[in-house]
Amino acid sequence: MTLLPLQRRRPLTRADVTEAEWFDWRWQLRHRLETVSDLAAFVTLSEEERRGMQAASKLFRVGTTPYYAALMDPENRHCPIRMQVIPLAQEASVSRGEYVDPLGEDGLSPAPSIVHRYPDRVLLLALDRCAVYCRHCNRRRMVGQDDGVISRIDLEAALDYIRRTPQIRDVLISGGDPLTLLTEKLEWIISSVRAIAHVDFIRIGTRVPVCLPMRIDAELCAMLRKYHPLYINTHFNHPKEVTVEARAACEQLADAGIPLGNQTVLLRGVNSQARTIETLNRALLRMRVRPYYLFQGDPVTGTDHLRTPVGAGIEIMNQLRGRVTGMAIPHLVIDAPGGGGKIPIGPNYVLQSGNGEWLLRNYENKMVRYVEPEERDCSCPYDEVYFN
């Protein structure tokens, strides 16, 4: 097959390139779709989407891998893949209760590339680049702004902060997306963290299995398995994202001994119904990914039209309970604006308590009475030996 020079053929659909190119993660990143003309090769853009692209150019980065774009419905603007990456004009509006930095991360940064919100864990921002730039991203003020990596000097300063802060037991490596780094660079970061004696385990936050699954290869998995205990949380939002390629990526990671969790963000019109979350979570469990969090959307500037009412998430959780295994039921949380941390919310199953009894309701709305045991000492005597 004869191909024209790449600069004359951007963007390239799968039909335009060889299989080797399409399944090369570096090729996918080099050919991210970022403009109206790029996206128009994959979908018929609505006028609202075209206006959104124009508005977004002044606000935040737009970009998606050709692989993820190929999952889009080319004619239906309500496609859940399109709705996650193609902005609308409303994103230029600021609504009540929205923030540029909704989680107050900038004020929780005692060192470069560090966010220290909870006493025993820190967030290490390894880079400011992603494979796909999500419209609902709470870091869109910074991620992808110059598409560069964070300097080694800043990363060294972040690692030094972790070394001299012994209460840190858990390091979450995020960004940007750490798995878009070259394996050698990622290993330097992970091995540097693993060498810190007081760090118990490492977590990685990534959307690569969703939007760039070809990045998960034997070389990467062989490197990661050297640094256990290591956990990965990914970010599937809709069953349409669970492809053959995504499943293969997750199974390779699981085969490398890495426990996988998923963090879904509730998005209006994308996954704001119980049947969508149920179908997604069943599919996740089939590929050995445990549903972990269901997030109420963070109030980042320009996302009011994407976020769901809190009651919608609570009702989804209410409908899941009893219909699916407990392993398919995530924690519904609000990440408190201003840096207050994750607050669990959900249906109320306690109807009344007092006089040594609890009145509860089950998933069928049947009332159950639970009688408390006689009041006794709940201390654990052996702990005095074990912990001393």
Protein backbone atom coordinates (compact mmCIF):
# COMPACT_ATOMS: atom_id res chain seq x y z
CA MET A 1 0.00 0.00 0.00
CA THR A 2 1.33 3.44 -0.93
CA LEU A 3 0.84 6.16 1.64
CA LEU A 4 1.09 9.89 1.15
CA PRO A 5 3.39 11.80 3.53
CA LEU A 6 1.89 11.87 7.03
CA GLN A 7 1.62 15.65 7.15
CA ARG A 8 -0.74 15.53 4.17
CA ARG A 9 -2.87 12.73 5.61
CA ARG A 10 -3.61 13.83 9.16
CA PRO A 11 -5.59 12.38 10.73
CA LEU A 12 -5.25 8.74 9.71
CA THR A 13 -8.00 6.21 10.28
CA ARG A 14 -7.23 2.55 10.76
CA ALA A 15 -8.01 1.88 7.10
CA ASP A 16 -5.27 4.30 6.05
CA VAL A 17 -2.35 2.75 7.92
CA THR A 18 -0.73 -0.60 8.47
CA GLU A 19 -1.69 -2.82 11.39
CA ALA A 20 1.81 -2.33 12.81
CA GLU A 21 1.32 1.45 12.85
CA TRP A 22 -2.17 1.31 14.34
CA PHE A 23 -1.04 -0.93 17.19
CA ASP A 24 2.08 1.16 17.90
CA TRP A 25 1.27 3.27 20.97
CA ARG A 26 3.87 5.86 19.99
CA TRP A 27 2.19 6.25 16.60
CA GLN A 28 -1.15 6.72 18.34
CA LEU A 29 0.25 9.52 20.51
CA ARG A 30 1.97 11.22 17.59
CA HIS A 31 -1.32 11.29 15.68
CA ARG A 32 -3.69 12.51 18.36
CA LEU A 33 -6.71 14.31 16.94
CA GLU A 34 -6.77 17.90 18.13
CA THR A 35 -8.60 20.04 15.57
CA VAL A 36 -11.98 20.24 13.87
CA SER A 37 -10.52 18.84 10.66
CA ASP A 38 -8.87 15.99 12.58
CA LEU A 39 -12.14 14.94 14.21
CA ALA A 40 -14.19 15.48 11.04
CA ALA A 41 -12.36 12.53 9.48
CA PHE A 42 -13.97 10.29 12.12
CA VAL A 43 -17.36 11.85 12.85
CA THR A 44 -19.91 14.23 11.40
CA LEU A 45 -19.50 17.12 13.79
CA SER A 46 -22.65 18.92 14.92
CA GLU A 47 -22.74 22.70 14.91
CA GLU A 48 -22.71 22.64 18.72
CA GLU A 49 -19.54 20.52 18.69
CA ARG A 50 -17.90 22.86 16.19
CA ARG A 51 -18.68 25.84 18.42
CA GLY A 52 -17.36 23.87 21.38
CA MET A 53 -14.06 23.19 19.64
CA GLN A 54 -13.72 26.90 18.91
CA ALA A 55 -14.44 27.83 22.54
CA ALA A 56 -12.14 25.16 23.94
CA SER A 57 -9.13 26.42 22.04
CA LYS A 58 -8.90 29.29 24.54
CA LEU A 59 -9.63 27.21 27.67
CA PHE A 60 -8.11 23.72 27.72
CA ARG A 61 -6.48 21.05 25.60
CA VAL A 62 -8.54 18.88 23.27
CA GLY A 63 -7.07 15.61 22.02
CA THR A 64 -7.82 11.95 21.52
CA THR A 65 -5.97 8.97 20.13
CA PRO A 66 -7.16 7.62 16.77
CA TYR A 67 -7.96 4.33 18.54
CA TYR A 68 -10.37 6.05 20.96
CA ALA A 69 -11.84 8.19 18.19
CA ALA A 70 -12.56 5.03 16.20
CA LEU A 71 -14.97 4.00 18.99
CA MET A 72 -17.13 7.06 18.34
CA ASP A 73 -20.50 6.77 16.63
CA PRO A 74 -19.84 8.85 13.50
CA GLU A 75 -23.38 10.23 13.23
CA ASN A 76 -24.80 10.44 16.75
CA ARG A 77 -23.51 13.36 18.83
CA HIS A 78 -24.90 11.67 21.96
CA CYS A 79 -22.33 8.88 21.62
CA PRO A 80 -20.73 8.48 25.08
CA ILE A 81 -17.21 8.48 23.60
CA ARG A 82 -17.80 11.73 21.70
CA MET A 83 -19.36 13.31 24.78
CA GLN A 84 -16.21 12.67 26.83
CA VAL A 85 -13.71 14.31 24.48
CA ILE A 86 -15.48 16.68 22.06
CA PRO A 87 -16.38 19.88 23.93
CA LEU A 88 -19.57 21.91 23.61
CA ALA A 89 -19.93 25.67 23.70
CA GLN A 90 -21.29 25.53 27.29
CA GLU A 91 -17.77 24.84 28.51
CA ALA A 92 -17.05 28.55 28.19
CA SER A 93 -19.68 29.30 30.86
CA VAL A 94 -18.92 29.49 34.59
CA SER A 95 -21.67 28.32 36.93
CA ARG A 96 -22.20 28.81 40.64
CA GLY A 97 -19.96 26.60 42.77
CA GLU A 98 -17.40 25.85 40.06
CA TYR A 99 -13.64 26.24 40.45
CA VAL A 100 -10.54 26.29 38.27
CA ASP A 101 -8.87 24.06 40.89
CA PRO A 102 -11.91 22.29 42.41
CA LEU A 103 -9.97 20.06 44.81
CA GLY A 104 -7.67 22.79 46.07
CA GLU A 105 -4.60 20.85 44.95
CA ASP A 106 -2.50 23.93 44.30
CA GLY A 107 -2.74 24.82 47.99
CA LEU A 108 -1.80 21.29 49.09
CA SER A 109 1.54 21.17 47.31
CA PRO A 110 4.47 21.36 49.77
CA ALA A 111 6.96 20.42 47.02
CA PRO A 112 7.03 20.43 43.22
CA SER A 113 4.81 17.72 41.69
CA ILE A 114 3.45 16.71 45.12
CA VAL A 115 -0.11 16.96 46.44
CA HIS A 116 -0.28 15.96 50.13
CA ARG A 117 -3.91 15.90 51.24
CA TYR A 118 -4.09 12.88 53.58
CA PRO A 119 -1.53 12.19 56.34
CA ASP A 120 -0.29 8.81 55.08
CA ARG A 121 -0.37 9.23 51.30
CA VAL A 122 0.69 11.63 48.58
CA LEU A 123 -0.05 12.23 44.94
CA LEU A 124 3.08 12.37 42.77
CA LEU A 125 2.41 14.18 39.48
CA ALA A 126 4.85 12.53 37.08
CA LEU A 127 3.94 14.50 33.93
CA ASP A 128 1.32 16.82 32.49
CA ARG A 129 0.45 14.82 29.36
CA CYS A 130 -2.41 12.39 28.64
CA ALA A 131 -3.33 10.14 25.75
CA VAL A 132 -6.86 11.61 25.79
CA TYR A 133 -7.94 14.92 27.33
CA CYS A 134 -11.28 14.39 29.07
CA ARG A 135 -13.80 17.22 29.21
CA HIS A 136 -14.55 16.48 32.87
CA CYS A 137 -10.88 16.49 33.98
CA ASN A 138 -10.37 18.26 37.32
CA ARG A 139 -6.81 19.13 36.27
CA ARG A 140 -7.53 20.59 32.88
CA ARG A 141 -6.12 23.89 34.13
CA MET A 142 -2.67 22.29 33.87
CA VAL A 143 -2.75 18.96 32.04
CA GLY A 144 -1.74 19.21 28.40
CA GLN A 145 -1.13 22.93 28.43
CA ASP A 146 2.31 22.63 26.87
CA ASP A 147 2.39 18.86 26.30
CA GLY A 148 5.74 18.65 28.05
CA VAL A 149 7.11 16.44 30.76
CA ILE A 150 7.84 17.62 34.29
CA SER A 151 11.53 18.35 34.73
CA ARG A 152 13.83 15.86 36.39
CA ILE A 153 14.77 18.58 38.91
CA ASP A 154 11.12 18.86 40.01
CA LEU A 155 10.73 15.09 40.16
CA GLU A 156 13.88 14.81 42.28
CA ALA A 157 12.46 17.43 44.63
CA ALA A 158 9.21 15.46 44.86
CA LEU A 159 11.07 12.24 45.64
CA ASP A 160 13.15 14.04 48.25
CA TYR A 161 9.94 15.25 49.95
CA ILE A 162 8.69 11.66 50.16
CA ARG A 163 12.05 10.45 51.55
CA ARG A 164 12.01 13.00 54.38
CA THR A 165 8.34 12.54 55.29
CA PRO A 166 8.16 9.18 57.08
CA GLN A 167 4.40 9.22 57.65
CA ILE A 168 3.91 8.66 53.89
CA ARG A 169 3.08 4.99 53.36
CA ASP A 170 1.26 5.15 50.00
CA VAL A 171 2.34 6.98 46.83
CA LEU A 172 -0.11 7.48 43.97
CA ILE A 173 1.70 8.23 40.70
CA SER A 174 -0.55 10.21 38.39
CA GLY A 175 -0.43 13.35 36.30
CA GLY A 176 -1.20 13.41 33.34
CA ASP A 177 -1.01 9.74 32.59
CA PRO A 178 2.14 7.97 33.82
CA LEU A 179 1.77 5.08 31.39
CA THR A 180 2.35 7.43 28.45
CA LEU A 181 5.96 7.80 29.65
CA LEU A 182 8.68 5.70 28.11
CA THR A 183 9.20 2.54 30.12
CA GLU A 184 12.70 3.59 31.18
CA LYS A 185 11.51 6.93 32.55
CA LEU A 186 8.57 5.35 34.34
CA GLU A 187 10.81 2.72 35.88
CA TRP A 188 13.17 5.38 37.21
CA ILE A 189 10.24 7.03 39.02
CA ILE A 190 8.76 3.77 40.35
CA SER A 191 12.11 2.32 41.44
CA SER A 192 13.00 5.57 43.19
CA VAL A 193 9.76 5.44 45.18
CA ARG A 194 10.12 1.72 45.91
CA ALA A 195 13.61 2.36 47.34
CA ILE A 196 12.09 4.54 50.10
CA ALA A 197 11.84 2.27 53.14
CA HIS A 198 8.71 3.76 54.71
CA VAL A 199 6.61 3.52 51.52
CA ASP A 200 4.46 0.38 51.79
CA PHE A 201 2.95 0.34 48.32
CA ILE A 202 2.65 2.26 45.06
CA ARG A 203 -0.44 3.05 43.03
CA ILE A 204 -0.69 4.25 39.43
CA GLY A 205 -3.67 6.17 38.06
CA THR A 206 -4.08 5.73 34.31
CA ARG A 207 -6.61 5.83 31.48
CA VAL A 208 -4.27 4.05 29.07
CA PRO A 209 -6.16 0.71 29.12
CA VAL A 210 -9.24 2.65 27.98
CA CYS A 211 -7.87 4.91 25.27
CA LEU A 212 -4.41 3.53 24.41
CA PRO A 213 -4.54 -0.20 25.25
CA MET A 214 -1.68 -1.08 22.87
CA ARG A 215 0.65 0.61 25.37
CA ILE A 216 0.20 -2.35 27.73
CA ASP A 217 2.83 -4.70 26.35
CA ALA A 218 5.12 -7.44 27.66
CA GLU A 219 7.99 -5.02 28.29
CA LEU A 220 5.88 -2.70 30.42
CA CYS A 221 4.30 -5.55 32.41
CA ALA A 222 7.68 -7.18 33.04
CA MET A 223 8.97 -3.89 34.43
CA LEU A 224 5.93 -3.22 36.63
CA ARG A 225 5.90 -6.67 38.22
CA LYS A 226 9.35 -6.02 39.70
CA TYR A 227 7.95 -3.40 42.08
CA HIS A 228 5.14 -5.13 43.96
CA PRO A 229 3.09 -4.34 45.93
CA LEU A 230 1.84 -2.14 43.10
CA TYR A 231 -1.77 -1.34 42.23
CA ILE A 232 -3.35 0.28 39.18
CA ASN A 233 -6.62 2.21 39.05
CA THR A 234 -8.00 2.90 35.61
CA HIS A 235 -10.96 4.95 34.38
CA PHE A 236 -13.68 3.26 32.30
CA ASN A 237 -16.87 5.33 32.14
CA HIS A 238 -19.06 3.38 29.69
CA PRO A 239 -19.44 -0.23 28.45
CA LYS A 240 -18.66 0.97 24.90
CA GLU A 241 -15.04 1.42 26.08
CA VAL A 242 -14.71 -2.26 26.99
CA THR A 243 -13.25 -3.51 23.72
CA VAL A 244 -11.26 -6.63 22.83
CA GLU A 245 -8.11 -4.48 23.02
CA ALA A 246 -9.03 -2.96 26.39
CA ARG A 247 -9.77 -6.39 27.82
CA ALA A 248 -6.44 -7.76 26.58
CA ALA A 249 -4.61 -4.81 28.19
CA CYS A 250 -6.29 -5.34 31.56
CA GLU A 251 -5.70 -9.08 31.47
CA GLN A 252 -1.99 -8.58 30.77
CA LEU A 253 -1.71 -6.33 33.81
CA ALA A 254 -3.67 -8.78 35.95
CA ASP A 255 -1.48 -11.64 34.76
CA ALA A 256 1.52 -9.60 35.95
CA GLY A 257 0.05 -9.80 39.45
CA ILE A 258 -1.22 -6.21 39.54
CA PRO A 259 -4.59 -5.70 41.28
CA LEU A 260 -6.79 -3.48 39.12
CA GLY A 261 -9.48 -1.06 40.24
CA ASN A 262 -11.69 1.31 38.30
CA GLN A 263 -12.80 4.85 39.02
CA THR A 264 -15.89 5.93 37.09
CA VAL A 265 -17.03 9.55 36.95
CA LEU A 266 -20.78 10.11 36.74
CA LEU A 267 -21.46 12.14 33.60
CA ARG A 268 -24.88 13.40 32.55
CA GLY A 269 -26.05 11.64 29.40
CA VAL A 270 -23.02 9.33 29.34
CA ASN A 271 -23.51 6.94 32.27
CA SER A 272 -26.15 8.59 34.44
CA GLN A 273 -28.48 5.57 34.51
CA ALA A 274 -28.23 2.47 36.68
CA ARG A 275 -28.33 0.05 33.73
CA THR A 276 -25.23 1.69 32.24
CA ILE A 277 -23.24 1.42 35.47
CA GLU A 278 -24.46 -2.14 36.06
CA THR A 279 -23.46 -3.25 32.54
CA LEU A 280 -20.09 -1.53 32.85
CA ASN A 281 -19.29 -3.01 36.26
CA ARG A 282 -20.22 -6.52 35.18
CA ALA A 283 -17.92 -6.14 32.18
CA LEU A 284 -15.12 -4.82 34.39
CA LEU A 285 -15.31 -7.82 36.72
CA ARG A 286 -15.16 -10.18 33.74
CA MET A 287 -11.76 -8.71 32.87
CA ARG A 288 -10.57 -8.75 36.50
CA VAL A 289 -11.03 -5.03 37.21
CA ARG A 290 -12.76 -4.26 40.51
CA PRO A 291 -15.17 -1.28 40.50
CA TYR A 292 -13.67 0.98 43.17
CA TYR A 293 -15.09 4.50 43.08
CA LEU A 294 -18.12 6.07 41.46
CA PHE A 295 -17.35 9.77 41.57
CA GLN A 296 -19.80 12.61 41.66
CA GLY A 297 -18.35 14.96 39.03
CA ASP A 298 -15.88 17.50 40.39
CA PRO A 299 -17.15 21.09 40.01
CA VAL A 300 -14.42 22.18 37.61
CA THR A 301 -15.13 25.37 35.68
CA GLY A 302 -17.38 24.87 32.66
CA THR A 303 -18.74 21.41 33.52
CA ASP A 304 -22.15 22.17 35.04
CA HIS A 305 -23.90 20.61 32.03
CA LEU A 306 -21.85 17.41 32.42
CA ARG A 307 -22.40 16.84 36.12
CA THR A 308 -25.34 14.90 37.55
CA PRO A 309 -27.42 15.84 40.62
CA VAL A 310 -26.15 14.10 43.76
CA GLY A 311 -29.49 12.34 44.02
CA ALA A 312 -28.94 10.65 40.65
CA GLY A 313 -25.84 8.87 41.94
CA ILE A 314 -27.58 7.84 45.15
CA GLU A 315 -30.48 6.37 43.16
CA ILE A 316 -28.05 4.44 40.93
CA MET A 317 -26.47 2.93 44.04
CA ASN A 318 -29.92 2.11 45.41
CA GLN A 319 -30.78 0.23 42.22
CA LEU A 320 -27.48 -1.65 42.15
CA ARG A 321 -27.80 -3.02 45.69
CA GLY A 322 -29.23 -6.52 45.55
CA ARG A 323 -29.17 -6.65 41.73
CA VAL A 324 -25.43 -7.28 41.43
CA THR A 325 -22.74 -8.88 43.55
CA GLY A 326 -21.18 -6.65 46.16
CA MET A 327 -17.95 -6.81 44.16
CA ALA A 328 -19.72 -4.82 41.41
CA ILE A 329 -20.81 -2.04 43.77
CA PRO A 330 -18.31 0.81 44.05
CA HIS A 331 -18.05 3.51 46.71
CA LEU A 332 -20.07 6.57 45.68
CA VAL A 333 -18.07 9.62 46.78
CA ILE A 334 -17.87 13.36 46.48
CA ASP A 335 -14.32 14.67 46.44
CA ALA A 336 -14.88 17.71 48.62
CA PRO A 337 -14.18 21.07 46.98
CA GLY A 338 -11.24 22.92 48.47
CA GLY A 339 -9.27 19.84 49.42
CA GLY A 340 -11.57 18.28 52.03
CA GLY A 341 -11.02 14.75 50.73
CA LYS A 342 -13.39 12.02 49.59
CA ILE A 343 -16.75 11.87 51.33
CA PRO A 344 -18.81 8.67 50.89
CA ILE A 345 -22.50 9.12 50.19
CA GLY A 346 -25.28 6.71 49.37
CA PRO A 347 -28.79 5.47 50.11
CA ASN A 348 -29.93 5.43 53.73
CA TYR A 349 -30.55 1.92 54.96
CA VAL A 350 -30.86 2.86 58.66
CA LEU A 351 -34.42 3.89 59.45
CA GLN A 352 -34.23 4.09 63.24
CA SER A 353 -32.02 3.12 66.16
CA GLY A 354 -32.39 3.09 69.92
CA ASN A 355 -33.20 0.91 72.95
CA GLY A 356 -30.72 -1.72 71.80
CA GLU A 357 -32.32 -2.20 68.36
CA TRP A 358 -31.75 -1.03 64.79
CA LEU A 359 -34.53 -0.77 62.22
CA LEU A 360 -33.05 -1.30 58.76
CA ARG A 361 -34.35 -1.65 55.20
CA ASN A 362 -32.99 -4.06 52.61
CA TYR A 363 -32.70 -3.72 48.83
CA GLU A 364 -36.35 -4.81 48.45
CA ASN A 365 -37.45 -2.03 50.83
CA LYS A 366 -38.41 -4.61 53.46
CA MET A 367 -37.88 -3.57 57.07
CA VAL A 368 -35.57 -5.67 59.22
CA ARG A 369 -35.07 -5.40 62.99
CA TYR A 370 -31.59 -6.11 64.34
CA VAL A 371 -31.16 -6.55 68.10
CA GLU A 372 -27.86 -5.39 69.60
CA PRO A 373 -25.86 -7.81 71.78
CA GLU A 374 -25.60 -7.16 75.50
CA GLU A 375 -23.23 -4.28 76.18
CA ARG A 376 -19.72 -5.59 76.84
CA ASP A 377 -16.13 -4.41 76.66
CA CYS A 378 -14.93 -4.31 72.99
CA SER A 379 -11.21 -3.99 73.68
CA CYS A 380 -8.83 -6.59 72.20
CA PRO A 381 -6.54 -7.82 75.01
CA TYR A 382 -3.97 -9.44 72.74
CA ASP A 383 -3.37 -6.09 70.98
CA GLU A 384 -1.51 -4.93 74.08
CA VAL A 385 1.03 -7.67 73.34
CA TYR A 386 0.95 -7.50 69.55
CA PHE A 387 1.42 -3.74 69.19
CA ASN A 388 4.05 -3.34 71.92
